[in-house]
Amino acid sequence: MGAMLLAATTTPALAQSIAITGATLAIGDGSEPIKNGTVVISAGKVVAAGAGVVAPAGVKTIDAGGKWVTPGIMSGFSRVGLAEVPAVKETNDTSARSPFSAAIDVAPVINPLANPIAISRTAGVTRAVVAPATGTNIFAGQGAVIDLGADMSPITKARAFQYVEMGEAGVAEAGGSRAAMILTFKMMLTQAQDYAKAPASYDGRSKDALLNRVDAQALAPVVSGAMPLMVHAESARDILAVLALRQDFPALRLILAGATEGWMVAPQIAAAKVPVITAGLEDLPSSFEKLAATQSNVGRLVKAGVSVSMGMLTGDDALQLRAATQQAGNMVALLKVPGATGLSWGQALRTITSAPAEAIGLGDRIGSLKAGKAGDVVIWDGDPLEMTSAPVAVWIDGVQQPLENRQTKLRDRYATPGEGALPKAYEW
């Protein structure tokens, strides 16, 4: 599980061949649920899924009994695996005061034993995009895509994208103004181009160099379009400034993260064919770059033709991946709110399954229950976009996962306390 490139020839350890029948089946591609559906998994991959699929002879069959079956949930943005307790610096690897920036690679430090991973897995989250945070530069480094399996090999794809701050946080790192931030960005990418043209002659130690050699090397695939560039920008004006950067660097494969005011410039984002990863629960003017926040942002972006994913972007929320289904469920509920713009059930599920996989360039490998995709499957005890529902079974790459974590153990321990001596924690 968690093979570096999800190679088609790789068979995950302990992967099961199973057929889940009698399901209320959601493929995760934006289509609506199918009654009495079947999904077949073999060698860690989806073989088939749909209403007319027949379970192969000899394969273990699980009767879902009408329960909902979906692809594993994928968070479009997170910092899960990089921090255990954000306020405790010894457990927090999200950012660093370092001489390096773009070259920083989060993959080697992802901690698969971190409690937020087990908690998210119990909530049906099977994959996540993990981004570093900035330390001393507008570029934070190279993010990863991970699986949340109960094993020690979490990396789906290392160095999956480069992450850069181009909003208020980027302004602070670039000296205090947006003009300085944009110039800094352009000069850094220009120097990365210089490195790509003549690596041996690039001098990252001169007084004019904004990039040392390793950072220039890390940005070379960004300027060539070989590596996606995830840009955090919230306000409408910052988003337009980001889109305009393609005038100087036309090969950039942009992904917009945040985009709280994206609805205001949705036609421009759609015309640029730039995917958006945003927080569906963002509806308060919590900063100057989010003054036009509205939960209708996602619905309006999708209506304009933008491919939208959802993830948890701010502060400690970036560890709360279990909120993904609430984010999507709220989009469905908005259809009933006069004047609001929401999503259909299938569209909403897509924002937390196939859309983030496609945005990060892995849509052919993960994110839905189409044939050939990774065998990430969840059986739910109710509608997965309702907050009262929970998974009853989870598979990642065809391997069934445990559904316990520290929280469930504490719940079970103290749910029905009996009379007698107090637990040891209360003894003096």
Protein backbone atom coordinates (compact mmCIF):
# COMPACT_ATOMS: atom_id res chain seq x y z
CA MET A 1 0.00 0.00 0.00
CA GLY A 2 1.12 3.54 -0.56
CA ALA A 3 3.46 2.62 -3.41
CA MET A 4 5.47 5.65 -4.52
CA LEU A 5 3.79 5.91 -7.90
CA LEU A 6 0.86 3.52 -7.51
CA ALA A 7 2.36 1.37 -10.26
CA ALA A 8 -0.18 -0.85 -11.95
CA THR A 9 2.06 -3.87 -11.42
CA THR A 10 2.22 -3.40 -7.66
CA THR A 11 -0.01 -5.66 -5.60
CA PRO A 12 -0.49 -4.34 -2.06
CA ALA A 13 0.27 -6.73 0.77
CA LEU A 14 -2.80 -8.52 2.14
CA ALA A 15 -5.07 -7.04 -0.55
CA GLN A 16 -8.40 -8.89 -0.68
CA SER A 17 -10.48 -9.97 -3.65
CA ILE A 18 -14.02 -9.05 -2.67
CA ALA A 19 -17.37 -8.20 -4.19
CA ILE A 20 -19.68 -5.85 -2.29
CA THR A 21 -23.24 -6.39 -3.48
CA GLY A 22 -26.67 -4.91 -2.78
CA ALA A 23 -25.23 -1.43 -2.26
CA THR A 24 -26.51 2.08 -2.65
CA LEU A 25 -23.44 2.71 -4.77
CA ALA A 26 -21.77 6.04 -5.49
CA ILE A 27 -18.98 5.98 -8.07
CA GLY A 28 -17.53 9.35 -7.02
CA ASP A 29 -17.35 10.85 -10.52
CA GLY A 30 -20.21 13.31 -10.04
CA SER A 31 -22.98 10.87 -10.96
CA GLU A 32 -25.84 10.18 -8.60
CA PRO A 33 -26.05 7.00 -6.42
CA ILE A 34 -27.06 3.67 -7.96
CA LYS A 35 -29.49 1.31 -6.27
CA ASN A 36 -28.54 -2.37 -5.87
CA GLY A 37 -25.00 -1.77 -7.11
CA THR A 38 -21.96 -4.02 -6.92
CA VAL A 39 -18.26 -3.19 -6.69
CA VAL A 40 -15.56 -5.79 -7.28
CA ILE A 41 -11.99 -5.36 -5.99
CA SER A 42 -9.05 -7.59 -6.87
CA ALA A 43 -5.28 -7.21 -6.34
CA GLY A 44 -5.85 -3.83 -4.70
CA LYS A 45 -7.73 -2.37 -7.68
CA VAL A 46 -11.33 -1.79 -8.65
CA VAL A 47 -12.31 -4.34 -11.30
CA ALA A 48 -15.85 -3.15 -11.91
CA ALA A 49 -18.61 -1.14 -10.25
CA GLY A 50 -22.21 -0.54 -11.25
CA ALA A 51 -25.76 -1.83 -11.28
CA GLY A 52 -25.26 -4.74 -13.68
CA VAL A 53 -21.98 -6.04 -12.30
CA VAL A 54 -21.90 -9.75 -11.41
CA ALA A 55 -19.73 -10.98 -8.56
CA PRO A 56 -17.07 -13.39 -9.91
CA ALA A 57 -17.25 -16.99 -8.77
CA GLY A 58 -15.11 -17.82 -5.77
CA VAL A 59 -14.67 -14.21 -4.65
CA LYS A 60 -15.58 -13.29 -1.09
CA THR A 61 -18.96 -11.57 -1.26
CA ILE A 62 -20.22 -8.97 1.20
CA ASP A 63 -23.93 -8.13 1.11
CA ALA A 64 -24.22 -4.42 1.84
CA GLY A 65 -27.95 -4.80 2.47
CA GLY A 66 -28.72 -1.46 0.84
CA LYS A 67 -26.04 0.44 2.77
CA TRP A 68 -24.18 3.26 1.06
CA VAL A 69 -20.87 2.35 -0.59
CA THR A 70 -18.50 5.04 -1.85
CA PRO A 71 -14.89 5.54 -2.82
CA GLY A 72 -12.65 6.44 0.07
CA ILE A 73 -12.85 10.12 0.94
CA MET A 74 -9.91 12.25 -0.23
CA SER A 75 -8.98 15.53 1.41
CA GLY A 76 -7.89 18.11 -1.14
CA PHE A 77 -5.76 19.93 1.42
CA SER A 78 -4.34 19.01 4.80
CA ARG A 79 -1.30 18.89 7.02
CA VAL A 80 -2.13 15.50 8.45
CA GLY A 81 0.93 13.43 9.27
CA LEU A 82 3.05 16.54 9.76
CA ALA A 83 1.75 17.41 13.22
CA GLU A 84 0.48 15.53 16.24
CA VAL A 85 -0.26 18.47 18.54
CA PRO A 86 0.26 21.73 16.60
CA ALA A 87 0.95 23.78 19.73
CA VAL A 88 3.76 21.41 20.77
CA LYS A 89 6.70 22.28 18.53
CA GLU A 90 8.39 18.91 19.05
CA THR A 91 5.46 17.24 17.27
CA ASN A 92 4.96 19.88 14.58
CA ASP A 93 6.85 19.59 11.27
CA THR A 94 4.57 21.79 9.16
CA SER A 95 7.07 24.66 8.74
CA ALA A 96 10.64 25.63 9.52
CA ARG A 97 12.91 28.66 9.83
CA SER A 98 15.32 27.27 7.30
CA PRO A 99 17.76 28.52 4.63
CA PHE A 100 15.87 26.21 2.26
CA SER A 101 12.36 26.71 0.90
CA ALA A 102 11.21 25.19 -2.40
CA ALA A 103 13.49 22.18 -1.96
CA ILE A 104 11.87 21.11 1.32
CA ASP A 105 10.16 17.74 0.83
CA VAL A 106 7.51 16.68 3.37
CA ALA A 107 7.34 13.01 2.30
CA PRO A 108 10.17 11.67 4.50
CA VAL A 109 8.65 13.11 7.69
CA ILE A 110 5.02 12.02 7.28
CA ASN A 111 4.17 10.18 10.49
CA PRO A 112 1.64 7.38 9.79
CA LEU A 113 1.25 6.81 13.55
CA ALA A 114 -0.04 10.34 14.21
CA ASN A 115 -3.45 10.30 15.88
CA PRO A 116 -5.10 12.55 13.25
CA ILE A 117 -4.41 9.87 10.62
CA ALA A 118 -6.19 7.10 12.54
CA ILE A 119 -9.05 9.45 13.44
CA SER A 120 -9.48 10.47 9.80
CA ARG A 121 -9.34 6.85 8.62
CA THR A 122 -12.11 5.94 11.07
CA ALA A 123 -14.17 8.69 9.42
CA GLY A 124 -13.75 7.15 5.96
CA VAL A 125 -10.85 9.31 4.72
CA THR A 126 -8.42 7.15 2.77
CA ARG A 127 -6.19 9.68 0.94
CA ALA A 128 -5.00 13.22 1.58
CA VAL A 129 -3.05 16.00 -0.07
CA VAL A 130 -0.44 17.18 2.44
CA ALA A 131 1.08 20.65 2.06
CA PRO A 132 3.92 22.27 4.01
CA ALA A 133 3.56 25.72 5.55
CA THR A 134 5.86 28.65 4.87
CA GLY A 135 8.71 29.53 7.21
CA THR A 136 10.97 32.25 5.79
CA ASN A 137 9.93 32.41 2.13
CA ILE A 138 6.82 32.58 -0.05
CA PHE A 139 7.65 29.04 -1.23
CA ALA A 140 6.97 26.40 1.41
CA GLY A 141 8.24 23.32 -0.39
CA GLN A 142 7.07 20.12 -2.05
CA GLY A 143 3.87 18.52 -0.84
CA ALA A 144 2.81 14.88 -1.03
CA VAL A 145 -0.24 12.70 -1.52
CA ILE A 146 -0.61 10.01 1.11
CA ASP A 147 -2.86 7.13 2.02
CA LEU A 148 -4.14 6.80 5.57
CA GLY A 149 -3.64 3.06 5.88
CA ALA A 150 -2.63 1.40 9.15
CA ASP A 151 0.90 0.65 8.01
CA MET A 152 4.27 2.37 7.80
CA SER A 153 4.22 3.16 4.06
CA PRO A 154 1.93 6.18 3.68
CA ILE A 155 3.31 7.82 0.53
CA THR A 156 1.14 7.64 -2.58
CA LYS A 157 3.22 10.24 -4.41
CA ALA A 158 6.14 12.23 -3.06
CA ARG A 159 6.99 15.65 -4.48
CA ALA A 160 3.51 15.83 -5.97
CA PHE A 161 3.39 19.64 -6.14
CA GLN A 162 5.11 22.84 -5.05
CA TYR A 163 3.31 25.10 -2.57
CA VAL A 164 3.52 28.90 -2.53
CA GLU A 165 1.78 31.61 -0.49
CA MET A 166 0.41 34.48 -2.60
CA GLY A 167 -2.05 36.10 -0.20
CA GLU A 168 -1.63 37.89 3.12
CA ALA A 169 0.83 35.25 4.37
CA GLY A 170 2.92 35.64 1.22
CA VAL A 171 2.88 39.41 1.61
CA ALA A 172 4.33 39.04 5.10
CA GLU A 173 7.10 36.72 3.87
CA ALA A 174 7.98 39.00 0.93
CA GLY A 175 8.48 42.20 2.88
CA GLY A 176 5.02 43.65 3.42
CA SER A 177 3.40 44.45 0.07
CA ARG A 178 1.73 42.56 -2.75
CA ALA A 179 3.92 44.34 -5.28
CA ALA A 180 7.03 43.00 -3.53
CA MET A 181 5.47 39.53 -3.29
CA ILE A 182 4.69 39.32 -7.01
CA LEU A 183 8.14 40.62 -7.97
CA THR A 184 9.76 38.11 -5.60
CA PHE A 185 7.74 35.29 -7.18
CA LYS A 186 8.68 36.33 -10.73
CA MET A 187 12.36 36.74 -9.94
CA MET A 188 12.51 33.36 -8.20
CA LEU A 189 10.94 31.59 -11.17
CA THR A 190 13.20 33.48 -13.57
CA GLN A 191 16.22 32.27 -11.61
CA ALA A 192 14.79 28.74 -11.68
CA GLN A 193 14.64 29.04 -15.47
CA ASP A 194 18.27 30.18 -15.47
CA TYR A 195 19.19 27.10 -13.46
CA ALA A 196 17.27 24.80 -15.83
CA LYS A 197 19.11 26.25 -18.85
CA ALA A 198 22.60 25.90 -17.36
CA PRO A 199 22.70 24.02 -14.02
CA ALA A 200 26.50 23.89 -13.88
CA SER A 201 26.90 27.64 -14.21
CA TYR A 202 24.12 28.67 -11.84
CA ASP A 203 25.57 30.49 -8.83
CA GLY A 204 23.12 30.50 -5.98
CA ARG A 205 25.55 32.27 -3.68
CA SER A 206 25.78 35.67 -5.37
CA LYS A 207 24.21 38.72 -3.74
CA ASP A 208 21.57 38.85 -6.49
CA ALA A 209 20.48 35.23 -6.04
CA LEU A 210 17.09 34.74 -4.38
CA LEU A 211 17.42 30.96 -4.70
CA ASN A 212 20.23 28.71 -3.58
CA ARG A 213 21.08 25.83 -5.89
CA VAL A 214 18.85 23.21 -4.29
CA ASP A 215 15.82 25.53 -4.25
CA ALA A 216 16.44 26.52 -7.88
CA GLN A 217 16.66 22.83 -8.79
CA ALA A 218 13.35 22.17 -7.01
CA LEU A 219 11.59 24.98 -8.90
CA ALA A 220 12.92 23.96 -12.34
CA PRO A 221 10.10 21.40 -12.90
CA VAL A 222 7.56 24.03 -11.84
CA VAL A 223 8.56 26.53 -14.52
CA SER A 224 8.61 23.75 -17.14
CA GLY A 225 5.14 22.52 -16.15
CA ALA A 226 6.39 19.11 -15.02
CA MET A 227 5.27 19.77 -11.43
CA PRO A 228 1.97 21.41 -10.41
CA LEU A 229 2.15 24.68 -8.49
CA MET A 230 -0.40 24.99 -5.69
CA VAL A 231 -0.95 28.67 -4.95
CA HIS A 232 -2.69 29.79 -1.78
CA ALA A 233 -4.71 32.91 -2.59
CA GLU A 234 -8.00 33.92 -0.99
CA SER A 235 -9.13 37.32 -2.32
CA ALA A 236 -10.52 37.98 -5.78
CA ARG A 237 -7.76 40.44 -6.64
CA ASP A 238 -5.03 38.01 -5.53
CA ILE A 239 -6.61 35.25 -7.60
CA LEU A 240 -6.56 37.44 -10.71
CA ALA A 241 -2.92 38.31 -10.02
CA VAL A 242 -2.09 34.60 -9.82
CA LEU A 243 -3.84 33.84 -13.11
CA ALA A 244 -1.96 36.72 -14.74
CA LEU A 245 1.37 35.09 -13.85
CA ARG A 246 0.89 32.77 -16.82
CA GLN A 247 1.62 35.71 -19.08
CA ASP A 248 5.25 35.48 -18.00
CA PHE A 249 5.31 31.75 -17.23
CA PRO A 250 2.82 30.08 -19.61
CA ALA A 251 3.84 26.52 -18.67
CA LEU A 252 2.69 26.84 -15.03
CA ARG A 253 0.24 24.09 -13.99
CA LEU A 254 -1.67 26.12 -11.44
CA ILE A 255 -3.87 24.84 -8.63
CA LEU A 256 -5.66 27.49 -6.56
CA ALA A 257 -5.91 26.72 -2.85
CA GLY A 258 -8.23 28.75 -0.64
CA ALA A 259 -10.07 30.97 -3.15
CA THR A 260 -12.63 32.11 -0.58
CA GLU A 261 -13.60 34.95 -2.93
CA GLY A 262 -13.28 32.73 -5.99
CA TRP A 263 -16.96 33.07 -6.83
CA MET A 264 -16.36 36.75 -7.67
CA VAL A 265 -13.95 35.81 -10.49
CA ALA A 266 -15.31 32.35 -11.33
CA PRO A 267 -15.54 32.95 -15.12
CA GLN A 268 -11.84 33.89 -15.24
CA ILE A 269 -10.83 30.80 -13.22
CA ALA A 270 -12.94 28.57 -15.47
CA ALA A 271 -11.50 30.13 -18.64
CA ALA A 272 -7.97 29.50 -17.32
CA LYS A 273 -8.92 25.85 -16.60
CA VAL A 274 -7.38 26.08 -13.13
CA PRO A 275 -8.75 23.66 -10.48
CA VAL A 276 -9.67 25.05 -7.08
CA ILE A 277 -9.25 23.47 -3.64
CA THR A 278 -11.32 25.34 -1.08
CA ALA A 279 -12.93 25.03 2.35
CA GLY A 280 -16.66 24.47 2.01
CA LEU A 281 -17.39 25.73 5.52
CA GLU A 282 -15.71 29.13 4.99
CA ASP A 283 -18.50 31.67 5.36
CA LEU A 284 -17.19 34.41 7.66
CA PRO A 285 -15.15 37.54 6.83
CA SER A 286 -12.38 36.37 9.14
CA SER A 287 -9.68 38.48 7.42
CA PHE A 288 -9.38 41.26 4.86
CA GLU A 289 -8.74 38.72 2.11
CA LYS A 290 -11.97 36.89 2.98
CA LEU A 291 -14.44 39.76 3.23
CA ALA A 292 -16.71 38.24 0.58
CA ALA A 293 -16.79 34.74 2.14
CA THR A 294 -19.93 32.70 1.49
CA GLN A 295 -20.78 29.01 1.62
CA SER A 296 -22.23 29.47 -1.88
CA ASN A 297 -18.64 29.87 -3.14
CA VAL A 298 -18.31 26.19 -4.08
CA GLY A 299 -21.68 26.00 -5.83
CA ARG A 300 -21.07 29.19 -7.78
CA LEU A 301 -17.62 28.03 -8.88
CA VAL A 302 -18.95 24.66 -10.06
CA LYS A 303 -21.84 26.37 -11.85
CA ALA A 304 -19.28 28.51 -13.71
CA GLY A 305 -17.44 25.38 -14.87
CA VAL A 306 -14.59 25.27 -12.35
CA SER A 307 -13.38 21.89 -11.06
CA VAL A 308 -13.66 22.25 -7.28
CA SER A 309 -12.26 20.09 -4.49
CA MET A 310 -12.64 20.61 -0.78
CA GLY A 311 -10.14 20.39 2.04
CA MET A 312 -9.37 21.91 5.42
CA LEU A 313 -6.99 24.83 4.95
CA THR A 314 -6.74 26.98 8.05
CA GLY A 315 -4.79 26.42 11.26
CA ASP A 316 -5.58 23.30 13.26
CA ASP A 317 -8.52 22.58 10.92
CA ALA A 318 -5.96 21.18 8.48
CA LEU A 319 -5.82 18.10 10.75
CA GLN A 320 -9.60 17.67 10.96
CA LEU A 321 -10.13 15.67 7.78
CA ARG A 322 -13.22 14.01 9.23
CA ALA A 323 -15.06 17.28 8.45
CA ALA A 324 -14.87 16.46 4.72
CA THR A 325 -18.29 14.81 4.60
CA GLN A 326 -19.80 17.71 6.56
CA GLN A 327 -18.30 20.11 4.02
CA ALA A 328 -19.87 18.18 1.16
CA GLY A 329 -23.17 17.67 2.99
CA ASN A 330 -23.50 21.40 3.56
CA MET A 331 -23.26 21.94 -0.20
CA VAL A 332 -26.27 19.64 -0.68
CA ALA A 333 -28.21 21.37 2.09
CA LEU A 334 -27.66 24.76 0.44
CA LEU A 335 -29.97 23.67 -2.38
CA LYS A 336 -32.81 24.14 0.11
CA VAL A 337 -31.72 27.61 1.23
CA PRO A 338 -33.40 30.45 -0.69
CA GLY A 339 -30.84 32.52 -2.57
CA ALA A 340 -27.97 30.09 -1.93
CA THR A 341 -26.12 28.00 -4.50
CA GLY A 342 -25.33 24.39 -3.65
CA LEU A 343 -24.51 21.10 -5.32
CA SER A 344 -26.33 17.91 -6.12
CA TRP A 345 -25.44 14.90 -3.97
CA GLY A 346 -23.23 13.41 -6.68
CA GLN A 347 -21.49 16.72 -7.36
CA ALA A 348 -20.84 17.20 -3.64
CA LEU A 349 -19.31 13.73 -3.24
CA ARG A 350 -17.07 14.40 -6.24
CA THR A 351 -15.50 17.38 -4.43
CA ILE A 352 -14.12 15.00 -1.79
CA THR A 353 -13.28 12.00 -4.00
CA SER A 354 -12.35 12.25 -7.69
CA ALA A 355 -11.99 16.05 -7.98
CA PRO A 356 -8.99 16.36 -5.61
CA ALA A 357 -7.36 13.35 -7.27
CA GLU A 358 -7.73 14.99 -10.68
CA ALA A 359 -6.54 18.39 -9.42
CA ILE A 360 -3.28 16.90 -8.17
CA GLY A 361 -2.73 14.84 -11.32
CA LEU A 362 -3.69 11.40 -10.00
CA GLY A 363 -7.20 11.13 -11.40
CA ASP A 364 -6.27 8.07 -13.42
CA ARG A 365 -5.16 6.20 -10.28
CA ILE A 366 -7.32 7.15 -7.30
CA GLY A 367 -10.52 8.95 -6.35
CA SER A 368 -13.40 6.92 -7.78
CA LEU A 369 -14.75 3.39 -8.16
CA LYS A 370 -14.02 3.18 -11.86
CA ALA A 371 -12.17 0.12 -13.17
CA GLY A 372 -8.43 0.28 -12.67
CA LYS A 373 -8.49 2.78 -9.80
CA ALA A 374 -7.09 1.99 -6.35
CA GLY A 375 -9.37 -0.20 -4.23
CA ASP A 376 -10.29 2.49 -1.69
CA VAL A 377 -13.85 1.67 -0.61
CA VAL A 378 -16.06 2.61 2.33
CA ILE A 379 -19.32 1.03 3.51
CA TRP A 380 -21.43 3.47 5.55
CA ASP A 381 -24.26 2.93 8.01
CA GLY A 382 -26.22 5.80 6.42
CA ASP A 383 -25.95 8.61 3.89
CA PRO A 384 -22.23 9.51 4.11
CA LEU A 385 -22.97 13.22 3.67
CA GLU A 386 -25.13 13.24 6.80
CA MET A 387 -23.26 13.98 10.04
CA THR A 388 -24.95 11.10 11.88
CA SER A 389 -23.48 8.51 9.49
CA ALA A 390 -20.23 6.62 10.00
CA PRO A 391 -18.21 3.95 8.19
CA VAL A 392 -18.74 0.30 9.09
CA ALA A 393 -15.87 -0.93 6.88
CA VAL A 394 -12.95 0.74 5.08
CA TRP A 395 -10.52 -0.66 2.50
CA ILE A 396 -7.39 1.09 1.21
CA ASP A 397 -5.75 -0.51 -1.83
CA GLY A 398 -7.99 -3.50 -1.16
CA VAL A 399 -6.73 -3.93 2.41
CA GLN A 400 -9.39 -3.75 5.11
CA GLN A 401 -8.51 -1.19 7.76
CA PRO A 402 -9.05 -1.07 11.52
CA LEU A 403 -11.75 1.35 12.65
CA GLU A 404 -10.38 2.24 16.04
CA ASN A 405 -8.26 5.08 17.29
CA ARG A 406 -7.36 6.73 20.55
CA GLN A 407 -10.71 8.52 20.71
CA THR A 408 -12.77 5.37 20.17
CA LYS A 409 -10.75 3.56 22.82
CA LEU A 410 -11.35 6.33 25.34
CA ARG A 411 -15.04 6.40 24.42
CA ASP A 412 -15.40 2.67 24.95
CA ARG A 413 -13.44 2.77 28.19
CA TYR A 414 -15.56 5.46 29.80
CA ALA A 415 -18.93 5.08 28.06
CA THR A 416 -20.30 2.82 30.79
CA PRO A 417 -18.12 3.29 33.88
CA GLY A 418 -18.83 0.80 36.63
CA GLU A 419 -18.69 1.27 40.36
CA GLY A 420 -15.39 0.64 42.04
CA ALA A 421 -11.95 2.12 42.33
CA LEU A 422 -11.16 5.18 40.24
CA PRO A 423 -8.91 4.67 37.20
CA LYS A 424 -5.18 5.02 37.85
CA ALA A 425 -5.18 8.54 36.42
CA TYR A 426 -7.19 9.62 39.48
CA GLU A 427 -5.07 7.84 42.09
CA TRP A 428 -2.64 9.90 44.16
